[in-house]
Amino acid sequence: MFSVEHEFDATVVTLVDEGESYLQEDVVVSSFEECITVEQYDPRENRTHKVTLSLTQMKDLIAAVSMPEGVYRRGELTEDG
């Protein structure tokens, strides 16, 4: 399950883990004009971890999820090296 909220300076998507097995904490993805942040609470450390991606890194991630193993550059049809 997920939710989408449009705030003043960002679009915020919250991913909620569902199912019967061990569930992970919610993941909050915030899309700003200049970057994307991904946050998840860690109950073992009692803190939230945050990763910041450039828009180029996010586009690469989106492209990567459907690709087979290899090294790629977006826009190229063949693997590098």
C-alpha atoms as a PDB file:
ATOM      1  CA  MET A   1       0.000   0.000   0.000  1.00  0.00           C
ATOM      2  CA  PHE A   2       1.177   3.555  -0.588  1.00  0.00           C
ATOM      3  CA  SER A   3       0.015   7.124  -0.218  1.00  0.00           C
ATOM      4  CA  VAL A   4       0.791  10.248  -2.253  1.00  0.00           C
ATOM      5  CA  GLU A   5       0.698  13.742  -0.791  1.00  0.00           C
ATOM      6  CA  HIS A   6       1.452  16.996  -2.609  1.00  0.00           C
ATOM      7  CA  GLU A   7       3.021  19.485  -0.224  1.00  0.00           C
ATOM      8  CA  PHE A   8       4.199  23.047  -0.826  1.00  0.00           C
ATOM      9  CA  ASP A   9       7.752  22.128  -1.888  1.00  0.00           C
ATOM     10  CA  ALA A  10       7.615  18.356  -2.428  1.00  0.00           C
ATOM     11  CA  THR A  11       5.604  15.350  -3.456  1.00  0.00           C
ATOM     12  CA  VAL A  12       5.736  12.732  -0.693  1.00  0.00           C
ATOM     13  CA  VAL A  13       5.119   9.033  -1.330  1.00  0.00           C
ATOM     14  CA  THR A  14       4.882   6.714   1.685  1.00  0.00           C
ATOM     15  CA  LEU A  15       5.312   2.976   1.073  1.00  0.00           C
ATOM     16  CA  VAL A  16       3.696   0.736   3.693  1.00  0.00           C
ATOM     17  CA  ASP A  17       4.884  -2.879   3.883  1.00  0.00           C
ATOM     18  CA  GLU A  18       1.979  -5.332   3.898  1.00  0.00           C
ATOM     19  CA  GLY A  19       1.859  -9.086   4.236  1.00  0.00           C
ATOM     20  CA  GLU A  20       2.221 -11.921   6.682  1.00  0.00           C
ATOM     21  CA  SER A  21       5.997 -12.206   6.912  1.00  0.00           C
ATOM     22  CA  TYR A  22       8.337  -9.886   8.805  1.00  0.00           C
ATOM     23  CA  LEU A  23       7.312  -6.359   7.848  1.00  0.00           C
ATOM     24  CA  GLN A  24       9.707  -3.487   7.262  1.00  0.00           C
ATOM     25  CA  GLU A  25       9.139   0.056   8.515  1.00  0.00           C
ATOM     26  CA  ASP A  26       7.429   2.547   6.192  1.00  0.00           C
ATOM     27  CA  VAL A  27       9.590   4.124   3.491  1.00  0.00           C
ATOM     28  CA  VAL A  28       9.027   7.821   2.804  1.00  0.00           C
ATOM     29  CA  VAL A  29      10.140   9.130  -0.608  1.00  0.00           C
ATOM     30  CA  SER A  30      10.103  12.918  -0.991  1.00  0.00           C
ATOM     31  CA  SER A  31      10.528  14.443  -4.437  1.00  0.00           C
ATOM     32  CA  PHE A  32      11.870  17.996  -4.472  1.00  0.00           C
ATOM     33  CA  GLU A  33      12.788  20.202  -7.424  1.00  0.00           C
ATOM     34  CA  GLU A  34      16.507  19.398  -7.072  1.00  0.00           C
ATOM     35  CA  CYS A  35      16.657  15.965  -5.394  1.00  0.00           C
ATOM     36  CA  ILE A  36      14.846  12.914  -4.032  1.00  0.00           C
ATOM     37  CA  THR A  37      15.116  11.798  -0.407  1.00  0.00           C
ATOM     38  CA  VAL A  38      14.353   8.301   0.892  1.00  0.00           C
ATOM     39  CA  GLU A  39      13.808   7.859   4.639  1.00  0.00           C
ATOM     40  CA  GLN A  40      13.137   4.832   6.829  1.00  0.00           C
ATOM     41  CA  TYR A  41      12.940   4.516  10.602  1.00  0.00           C
ATOM     42  CA  ASP A  42      15.291   1.942  12.164  1.00  0.00           C
ATOM     43  CA  PRO A  43      13.795   0.664  15.454  1.00  0.00           C
ATOM     44  CA  ARG A  44      17.082  -1.043  16.427  1.00  0.00           C
ATOM     45  CA  GLU A  45      18.905   2.293  16.440  1.00  0.00           C
ATOM     46  CA  ASN A  46      15.824   4.381  17.279  1.00  0.00           C
ATOM     47  CA  ARG A  47      16.596   6.770  14.417  1.00  0.00           C
ATOM     48  CA  THR A  48      15.560   7.554  10.871  1.00  0.00           C
ATOM     49  CA  HIS A  49      18.049   6.976   8.062  1.00  0.00           C
ATOM     50  CA  LYS A  50      17.951   9.320   5.075  1.00  0.00           C
ATOM     51  CA  VAL A  51      19.461   8.904   1.608  1.00  0.00           C
ATOM     52  CA  THR A  52      19.520  11.792  -0.878  1.00  0.00           C
ATOM     53  CA  LEU A  53      19.567  11.046  -4.617  1.00  0.00           C
ATOM     54  CA  SER A  54      20.092  13.485  -7.460  1.00  0.00           C
ATOM     55  CA  LEU A  55      17.401  13.469 -10.131  1.00  0.00           C
ATOM     56  CA  THR A  56      19.861  11.688 -12.449  1.00  0.00           C
ATOM     57  CA  GLN A  57      20.456   8.958  -9.866  1.00  0.00           C
ATOM     58  CA  MET A  58      16.700   8.485  -9.460  1.00  0.00           C
ATOM     59  CA  LYS A  59      16.220   8.170 -13.235  1.00  0.00           C
ATOM     60  CA  ASP A  60      19.031   5.578 -13.281  1.00  0.00           C
ATOM     61  CA  LEU A  61      17.355   3.659 -10.445  1.00  0.00           C
ATOM     62  CA  ILE A  62      14.021   3.629 -12.270  1.00  0.00           C
ATOM     63  CA  ALA A  63      15.729   2.345 -15.421  1.00  0.00           C
ATOM     64  CA  ALA A  64      17.753  -0.247 -13.484  1.00  0.00           C
ATOM     65  CA  VAL A  65      14.889  -2.129 -11.867  1.00  0.00           C
ATOM     66  CA  SER A  66      13.923  -3.812 -15.140  1.00  0.00           C
ATOM     67  CA  MET A  67      17.429  -4.529 -16.459  1.00  0.00           C
ATOM     68  CA  PRO A  68      19.457  -7.747 -16.265  1.00  0.00           C
ATOM     69  CA  GLU A  69      22.773  -7.812 -14.432  1.00  0.00           C
ATOM     70  CA  GLY A  70      25.400  -5.537 -16.012  1.00  0.00           C
ATOM     71  CA  VAL A  71      26.760  -1.993 -16.129  1.00  0.00           C
ATOM     72  CA  TYR A  72      24.755   0.541 -18.118  1.00  0.00           C
ATOM     73  CA  ARG A  73      24.379   4.188 -19.020  1.00  0.00           C
ATOM     74  CA  ARG A  74      20.868   5.484 -19.619  1.00  0.00           C
ATOM     75  CA  GLY A  75      20.278   6.142 -23.292  1.00  0.00           C
ATOM     76  CA  GLU A  76      22.594   3.357 -24.426  1.00  0.00           C
ATOM     77  CA  LEU A  77      21.179   0.067 -25.666  1.00  0.00           C
ATOM     78  CA  THR A  78      24.231  -2.049 -24.869  1.00  0.00           C
ATOM     79  CA  GLU A  79      26.203  -2.807 -21.718  1.00  0.00           C
ATOM     80  CA  ASP A  80      29.420  -0.914 -20.908  1.00  0.00           C
ATOM     81  CA  GLY A  81      32.599  -2.922 -20.395  1.00  0.00           C
END
